Amino acid sequence: MSKLKVDVTTEGGVTVASPRGRIDSNTAPDFEEAFMPLAKDGAIDIRLDFSDVAFLSSAGLRVIVMASKALKTRGQKLSILSVPANVLEVLTISGLTTFIDVQAA
C-alpha cells in the first residue's frame, strides 16, 4: 500500500494543500488525514493544488465533499487549482464542479 504525499504550505494567509500521485481507495485515508484538519478548524483561505494528481477515485471525491462541507460551516468555499483533464472529467461527472470552484490546468 503506497502512501500519498501531501505538501501543505501557507503564504500570505493562503494555505495550499498539494497531493502528489493517485488519490484512490488506498491513498484517500492519507489525503483525509492531511487535509481534513485544515478544512475543519485550520486556515481561513484553503486551496487544493491538483497539478500532481494523476488519478481521483470516488474515495477521493468523498474526502473533497467532506472538506467542502466542513468549510461551508465556517463560511468558506473550497477551491481546487491546476486540475489535469482526466481528474477534471471525474469532478465534472460527479457534479462537484457545481458547488466547488475548480480551475483546469
Foldseek 3Di string as FASTA:
>chain_A
DDEWDWDWDDDPQEIEIEIAEECDPVHLVNVLVVPVVCLQDNGLHYEYEDLRYPYYDVSNVVSVVNSQVNNVVVVHAYEYEQAEPVVVVVCVVVPVVVRHHYYHD
